[in-house]
Amino acid sequence: MLNRLVTENYVDGWDDPRLMTLAGLRRRGVTSTAINLFVRGIGITRSDGSMIRLERLEYHVREALNKTASCAMVVLHPLKVVITNLEPSSIIDLDAKKWPDAPVDDASSYYKVG
């Protein structure tokens, strides 16, 4: 099936990001760590008819990215809130994690939200 897509030029080649090949996954931005975690997670089988759901791969990609990819938050349409029991000149800064699995004791894994 994949061979037909490539030979009949429905896709740009074996490294097309739409294909579920190693080269296609790498072009999508999936790290080698995530691919290795996925392969270790599914194990080895002797059955040719076994189906592995895409959600398993996505889970391992998220697990790998939670340790390395930084996250940010933005509010596109903020609501005006008036806090009545707070001094007008006071400023409150909060610490937010750059990634979900950030180490608690590392100050560089946090950023200020004000």
C-alpha atoms as a PDB file:
ATOM      1  CA  MET A   1       0.000   0.000   0.000  1.00  0.00           C
ATOM      2  CA  LEU A   2       2.745   2.485   0.935  1.00  0.00           C
ATOM      3  CA  ASN A   3       4.771   1.438  -2.085  1.00  0.00           C
ATOM      4  CA  ARG A   4       1.854   2.306  -4.373  1.00  0.00           C
ATOM      5  CA  LEU A   5       1.502   5.761  -2.809  1.00  0.00           C
ATOM      6  CA  VAL A   6       5.195   6.455  -3.430  1.00  0.00           C
ATOM      7  CA  THR A   7       5.487   4.924  -6.930  1.00  0.00           C
ATOM      8  CA  GLU A   8       2.322   6.624  -8.226  1.00  0.00           C
ATOM      9  CA  ASN A   9       3.500   9.985  -6.811  1.00  0.00           C
ATOM     10  CA  TYR A  10       0.603  10.519  -4.419  1.00  0.00           C
ATOM     11  CA  VAL A  11       3.236  11.484  -1.836  1.00  0.00           C
ATOM     12  CA  ASP A  12       6.648  13.128  -2.203  1.00  0.00           C
ATOM     13  CA  GLY A  13       8.649  10.032  -1.256  1.00  0.00           C
ATOM     14  CA  TRP A  14       9.313   7.679   1.604  1.00  0.00           C
ATOM     15  CA  ASP A  15      10.133  10.610   3.887  1.00  0.00           C
ATOM     16  CA  ASP A  16       6.785  12.347   3.323  1.00  0.00           C
ATOM     17  CA  PRO A  17       5.457  13.433   6.751  1.00  0.00           C
ATOM     18  CA  ARG A  18       2.043  11.935   5.978  1.00  0.00           C
ATOM     19  CA  LEU A  19       3.499   8.410   5.859  1.00  0.00           C
ATOM     20  CA  MET A  20       4.040   6.303   8.960  1.00  0.00           C
ATOM     21  CA  THR A  21       7.655   5.515   8.094  1.00  0.00           C
ATOM     22  CA  LEU A  22      10.664   6.291  10.261  1.00  0.00           C
ATOM     23  CA  ALA A  23      11.791   8.993   7.831  1.00  0.00           C
ATOM     24  CA  GLY A  24       8.252  10.410   7.702  1.00  0.00           C
ATOM     25  CA  LEU A  25       8.009  10.502  11.480  1.00  0.00           C
ATOM     26  CA  ARG A  26      11.388  12.231  11.739  1.00  0.00           C
ATOM     27  CA  ARG A  27      10.228  14.857   9.209  1.00  0.00           C
ATOM     28  CA  ARG A  28       7.155  15.432  11.390  1.00  0.00           C
ATOM     29  CA  GLY A  29       9.429  16.265  14.275  1.00  0.00           C
ATOM     30  CA  VAL A  30       9.139  13.042  16.247  1.00  0.00           C
ATOM     31  CA  THR A  31      12.359  12.573  18.180  1.00  0.00           C
ATOM     32  CA  SER A  32      14.397   9.397  18.068  1.00  0.00           C
ATOM     33  CA  THR A  33      13.896   9.110  21.831  1.00  0.00           C
ATOM     34  CA  ALA A  34      10.121   8.968  21.353  1.00  0.00           C
ATOM     35  CA  ILE A  35      10.434   6.368  18.588  1.00  0.00           C
ATOM     36  CA  ASN A  36      12.703   4.215  20.760  1.00  0.00           C
ATOM     37  CA  LEU A  37      10.288   4.502  23.715  1.00  0.00           C
ATOM     38  CA  PHE A  38       7.435   3.443  21.423  1.00  0.00           C
ATOM     39  CA  VAL A  39       9.339   0.422  20.097  1.00  0.00           C
ATOM     40  CA  ARG A  40      10.283  -0.655  23.620  1.00  0.00           C
ATOM     41  CA  GLY A  41       6.692  -0.137  24.740  1.00  0.00           C
ATOM     42  CA  ILE A  42       5.081  -2.350  22.093  1.00  0.00           C
ATOM     43  CA  GLY A  43       7.579  -5.173  22.455  1.00  0.00           C
ATOM     44  CA  ILE A  44       8.127  -8.061  20.055  1.00  0.00           C
ATOM     45  CA  THR A  45       5.404 -10.269  18.613  1.00  0.00           C
ATOM     46  CA  ARG A  46       5.403 -13.212  16.218  1.00  0.00           C
ATOM     47  CA  SER A  47       1.929 -12.490  14.907  1.00  0.00           C
ATOM     48  CA  ASP A  48       1.660 -10.796  11.518  1.00  0.00           C
ATOM     49  CA  GLY A  49      -1.899  -9.654  12.083  1.00  0.00           C
ATOM     50  CA  SER A  50      -1.332  -7.558  15.194  1.00  0.00           C
ATOM     51  CA  MET A  51      -2.513  -3.983  15.000  1.00  0.00           C
ATOM     52  CA  ILE A  52      -0.986  -1.234  17.114  1.00  0.00           C
ATOM     53  CA  ARG A  53      -3.117   1.829  17.623  1.00  0.00           C
ATOM     54  CA  LEU A  54      -1.744   5.250  16.714  1.00  0.00           C
ATOM     55  CA  GLU A  55      -2.573   6.480  20.208  1.00  0.00           C
ATOM     56  CA  ARG A  56       0.305   4.347  21.563  1.00  0.00           C
ATOM     57  CA  LEU A  57       2.799   6.254  19.403  1.00  0.00           C
ATOM     58  CA  GLU A  58       1.230   9.598  20.326  1.00  0.00           C
ATOM     59  CA  TYR A  59       1.457   8.697  24.012  1.00  0.00           C
ATOM     60  CA  HIS A  60       5.192   8.015  23.771  1.00  0.00           C
ATOM     61  CA  VAL A  61       5.743  11.207  21.756  1.00  0.00           C
ATOM     62  CA  ARG A  62       3.962  13.229  24.461  1.00  0.00           C
ATOM     63  CA  GLU A  63       5.955  11.494  27.207  1.00  0.00           C
ATOM     64  CA  ALA A  64       9.239  12.356  25.475  1.00  0.00           C
ATOM     65  CA  LEU A  65       8.207  15.954  24.784  1.00  0.00           C
ATOM     66  CA  ASN A  66       7.006  16.508  28.370  1.00  0.00           C
ATOM     67  CA  LYS A  67      10.612  16.131  29.492  1.00  0.00           C
ATOM     68  CA  THR A  68      12.234  18.421  26.899  1.00  0.00           C
ATOM     69  CA  ALA A  69       9.832  20.788  25.109  1.00  0.00           C
ATOM     70  CA  SER A  70       9.059  24.044  26.855  1.00  0.00           C
ATOM     71  CA  CYS A  71       5.445  25.145  27.175  1.00  0.00           C
ATOM     72  CA  ALA A  72       3.981  28.632  27.187  1.00  0.00           C
ATOM     73  CA  MET A  73       0.569  30.071  27.787  1.00  0.00           C
ATOM     74  CA  VAL A  74      -1.143  33.027  26.178  1.00  0.00           C
ATOM     75  CA  VAL A  75      -4.504  34.688  26.669  1.00  0.00           C
ATOM     76  CA  LEU A  76      -5.817  36.041  23.375  1.00  0.00           C
ATOM     77  CA  HIS A  77      -8.932  37.736  24.718  1.00  0.00           C
ATOM     78  CA  PRO A  78      -8.366  38.584  28.400  1.00  0.00           C
ATOM     79  CA  LEU A  79     -11.219  39.493  30.694  1.00  0.00           C
ATOM     80  CA  LYS A  80     -10.904  42.496  32.958  1.00  0.00           C
ATOM     81  CA  VAL A  81     -11.026  41.413  36.596  1.00  0.00           C
ATOM     82  CA  VAL A  82     -11.152  43.778  39.557  1.00  0.00           C
ATOM     83  CA  ILE A  83      -9.855  42.350  42.821  1.00  0.00           C
ATOM     84  CA  THR A  84     -11.351  44.453  45.597  1.00  0.00           C
ATOM     85  CA  ASN A  85      -9.222  43.324  48.558  1.00  0.00           C
ATOM     86  CA  LEU A  86      -5.806  43.927  46.920  1.00  0.00           C
ATOM     87  CA  GLU A  87      -3.810  47.138  46.988  1.00  0.00           C
ATOM     88  CA  PRO A  88      -3.758  48.851  43.548  1.00  0.00           C
ATOM     89  CA  SER A  89       0.034  49.196  43.566  1.00  0.00           C
ATOM     90  CA  SER A  90       0.814  45.582  44.528  1.00  0.00           C
ATOM     91  CA  ILE A  91       2.191  43.142  41.949  1.00  0.00           C
ATOM     92  CA  ILE A  92       1.923  39.363  42.256  1.00  0.00           C
ATOM     93  CA  ASP A  93       4.303  37.168  40.252  1.00  0.00           C
ATOM     94  CA  LEU A  94       3.736  33.437  39.950  1.00  0.00           C
ATOM     95  CA  ASP A  95       6.151  30.714  38.883  1.00  0.00           C
ATOM     96  CA  ALA A  96       5.041  28.477  36.022  1.00  0.00           C
ATOM     97  CA  LYS A  97       6.770  25.325  34.788  1.00  0.00           C
ATOM     98  CA  LYS A  98       8.403  25.464  31.364  1.00  0.00           C
ATOM     99  CA  TRP A  99       7.488  21.807  30.750  1.00  0.00           C
ATOM    100  CA  PRO A 100       5.189  19.432  32.647  1.00  0.00           C
ATOM    101  CA  ASP A 101       7.910  17.145  34.025  1.00  0.00           C
ATOM    102  CA  ALA A 102      10.208  19.990  35.072  1.00  0.00           C
ATOM    103  CA  PRO A 103      12.407  19.287  38.100  1.00  0.00           C
ATOM    104  CA  VAL A 104      11.127  21.089  41.178  1.00  0.00           C
ATOM    105  CA  ASP A 105      14.577  21.984  42.514  1.00  0.00           C
ATOM    106  CA  ASP A 106      15.854  23.571  39.254  1.00  0.00           C
ATOM    107  CA  ALA A 107      15.120  27.315  39.088  1.00  0.00           C
ATOM    108  CA  SER A 108      15.794  27.438  35.330  1.00  0.00           C
ATOM    109  CA  SER A 109      12.788  25.187  34.681  1.00  0.00           C
ATOM    110  CA  TYR A 110      10.358  27.937  35.763  1.00  0.00           C
ATOM    111  CA  TYR A 111       9.350  31.289  34.316  1.00  0.00           C
ATOM    112  CA  LYS A 112       7.554  34.254  35.878  1.00  0.00           C
ATOM    113  CA  VAL A 113       3.895  34.945  35.155  1.00  0.00           C
ATOM    114  CA  GLY A 114       2.775  38.392  36.190  1.00  0.00           C
END
